Amino acid sequence: PYTVTAQEGVQLGAEEVLDLDQPTAVILLSDGAWVYLRADRGRYDRAARRLDLRGAVTIYHDNGTMLRTDQAE
């Protein structure tokens, strides 16, 4: 299970892709742990269930691990 939210989302036409401003995501892992992600921009493909993040991407794991990068898929 996962949740994706954003300050703003734009969907062009009938395409199932949303361009996201300030996206965040919370992912619950099978062992009960969670991962939190945030970025400046994102693109979510509903059909492929794929989230691409760009700009100041930060990924937190509940075990205390933190990763910062320019982009993540």
C-alpha atoms as a PDB file:
ATOM      1  CA  PRO A   1       0.000   0.000   0.000  1.00  0.00           C
ATOM      2  CA  TYR A   2       1.089   3.535  -0.750  1.00  0.00           C
ATOM      3  CA  THR A   3      -0.237   7.093  -0.748  1.00  0.00           C
ATOM      4  CA  VAL A   4       0.900   9.883  -3.084  1.00  0.00           C
ATOM      5  CA  THR A   5      -0.049  13.520  -2.445  1.00  0.00           C
ATOM      6  CA  ALA A   6       1.096  16.823  -3.959  1.00  0.00           C
ATOM      7  CA  GLN A   7       0.559  20.577  -3.686  1.00  0.00           C
ATOM      8  CA  GLU A   8      -0.799  20.453  -7.225  1.00  0.00           C
ATOM      9  CA  GLY A   9      -1.403  17.780  -9.833  1.00  0.00           C
ATOM     10  CA  VAL A  10      -2.067  18.338 -13.531  1.00  0.00           C
ATOM     11  CA  GLN A  11      -3.459  15.689 -15.849  1.00  0.00           C
ATOM     12  CA  LEU A  12      -3.366  16.496 -19.554  1.00  0.00           C
ATOM     13  CA  GLY A  13      -6.308  15.083 -21.473  1.00  0.00           C
ATOM     14  CA  ALA A  14      -7.275  11.451 -20.993  1.00  0.00           C
ATOM     15  CA  GLU A  15      -3.685  10.378 -20.383  1.00  0.00           C
ATOM     16  CA  GLU A  16      -3.236   8.584 -17.038  1.00  0.00           C
ATOM     17  CA  VAL A  17      -0.081  10.543 -16.208  1.00  0.00           C
ATOM     18  CA  LEU A  18      -0.112  13.355 -13.652  1.00  0.00           C
ATOM     19  CA  ASP A  19       2.546  16.043 -13.346  1.00  0.00           C
ATOM     20  CA  LEU A  20       3.012  16.814  -9.647  1.00  0.00           C
ATOM     21  CA  ASP A  21       4.284  19.861  -7.775  1.00  0.00           C
ATOM     22  CA  GLN A  22       5.847  19.163  -4.340  1.00  0.00           C
ATOM     23  CA  PRO A  23       4.903  15.458  -4.286  1.00  0.00           C
ATOM     24  CA  THR A  24       5.180  13.286  -1.193  1.00  0.00           C
ATOM     25  CA  ALA A  25       4.636   9.565  -0.868  1.00  0.00           C
ATOM     26  CA  VAL A  26       4.325   7.121   2.004  1.00  0.00           C
ATOM     27  CA  ILE A  27       4.925   3.443   1.290  1.00  0.00           C
ATOM     28  CA  LEU A  28       4.101   0.688   3.786  1.00  0.00           C
ATOM     29  CA  LEU A  29       6.453  -2.275   3.339  1.00  0.00           C
ATOM     30  CA  SER A  30       5.450  -5.914   3.876  1.00  0.00           C
ATOM     31  CA  ASP A  31       7.448  -6.105   7.139  1.00  0.00           C
ATOM     32  CA  GLY A  32       5.491  -3.166   8.598  1.00  0.00           C
ATOM     33  CA  ALA A  33       8.255  -0.610   8.003  1.00  0.00           C
ATOM     34  CA  TRP A  34       7.499   2.593   6.091  1.00  0.00           C
ATOM     35  CA  VAL A  35       9.307   4.813   3.599  1.00  0.00           C
ATOM     36  CA  TYR A  36       8.568   8.528   3.099  1.00  0.00           C
ATOM     37  CA  LEU A  37       9.583  10.358  -0.090  1.00  0.00           C
ATOM     38  CA  ARG A  38       9.417  14.006  -1.108  1.00  0.00           C
ATOM     39  CA  ALA A  39      10.641  16.048  -4.070  1.00  0.00           C
ATOM     40  CA  ASP A  40      10.237  19.358  -5.883  1.00  0.00           C
ATOM     41  CA  ARG A  41       8.515  17.764  -8.891  1.00  0.00           C
ATOM     42  CA  GLY A  42       7.147  14.407  -9.886  1.00  0.00           C
ATOM     43  CA  ARG A  43       5.325  12.462 -12.527  1.00  0.00           C
ATOM     44  CA  TYR A  44       2.911   9.675 -11.621  1.00  0.00           C
ATOM     45  CA  ASP A  45       1.824   7.120 -14.223  1.00  0.00           C
ATOM     46  CA  ARG A  46      -1.349   5.519 -12.866  1.00  0.00           C
ATOM     47  CA  ALA A  47      -1.456   2.621 -15.326  1.00  0.00           C
ATOM     48  CA  ALA A  48       2.179   1.653 -14.748  1.00  0.00           C
ATOM     49  CA  ARG A  49       1.965   2.520 -11.014  1.00  0.00           C
ATOM     50  CA  ARG A  50       5.244   4.386 -11.424  1.00  0.00           C
ATOM     51  CA  LEU A  51       6.409   7.526  -9.648  1.00  0.00           C
ATOM     52  CA  ASP A  52       9.336   9.524 -11.045  1.00  0.00           C
ATOM     53  CA  LEU A  53      10.731  12.234  -8.770  1.00  0.00           C
ATOM     54  CA  ARG A  54      12.986  15.184  -9.701  1.00  0.00           C
ATOM     55  CA  GLY A  55      14.659  17.987  -7.774  1.00  0.00           C
ATOM     56  CA  ALA A  56      15.796  17.738  -4.150  1.00  0.00           C
ATOM     57  CA  VAL A  57      14.515  14.188  -3.692  1.00  0.00           C
ATOM     58  CA  THR A  58      14.659  12.986  -0.086  1.00  0.00           C
ATOM     59  CA  ILE A  59      13.862   9.419   0.951  1.00  0.00           C
ATOM     60  CA  TYR A  60      13.443   8.460   4.619  1.00  0.00           C
ATOM     61  CA  HIS A  61      13.153   4.901   5.954  1.00  0.00           C
ATOM     62  CA  ASP A  62      11.730   4.419   9.435  1.00  0.00           C
ATOM     63  CA  ASN A  63      14.977   2.721  10.505  1.00  0.00           C
ATOM     64  CA  GLY A  64      16.660   6.147  10.339  1.00  0.00           C
ATOM     65  CA  THR A  65      18.219   5.850   6.885  1.00  0.00           C
ATOM     66  CA  MET A  66      17.979   8.998   4.747  1.00  0.00           C
ATOM     67  CA  LEU A  67      18.955   9.378   1.088  1.00  0.00           C
ATOM     68  CA  ARG A  68      19.155  12.623  -0.897  1.00  0.00           C
ATOM     69  CA  THR A  69      19.468  12.694  -4.668  1.00  0.00           C
ATOM     70  CA  ASP A  70      18.493  14.775  -7.704  1.00  0.00           C
ATOM     71  CA  GLN A  71      16.122  12.144  -9.094  1.00  0.00           C
ATOM     72  CA  ALA A  72      14.525   8.802  -8.260  1.00  0.00           C
ATOM     73  CA  GLU A  73      12.218   6.331  -9.993  1.00  0.00           C
END
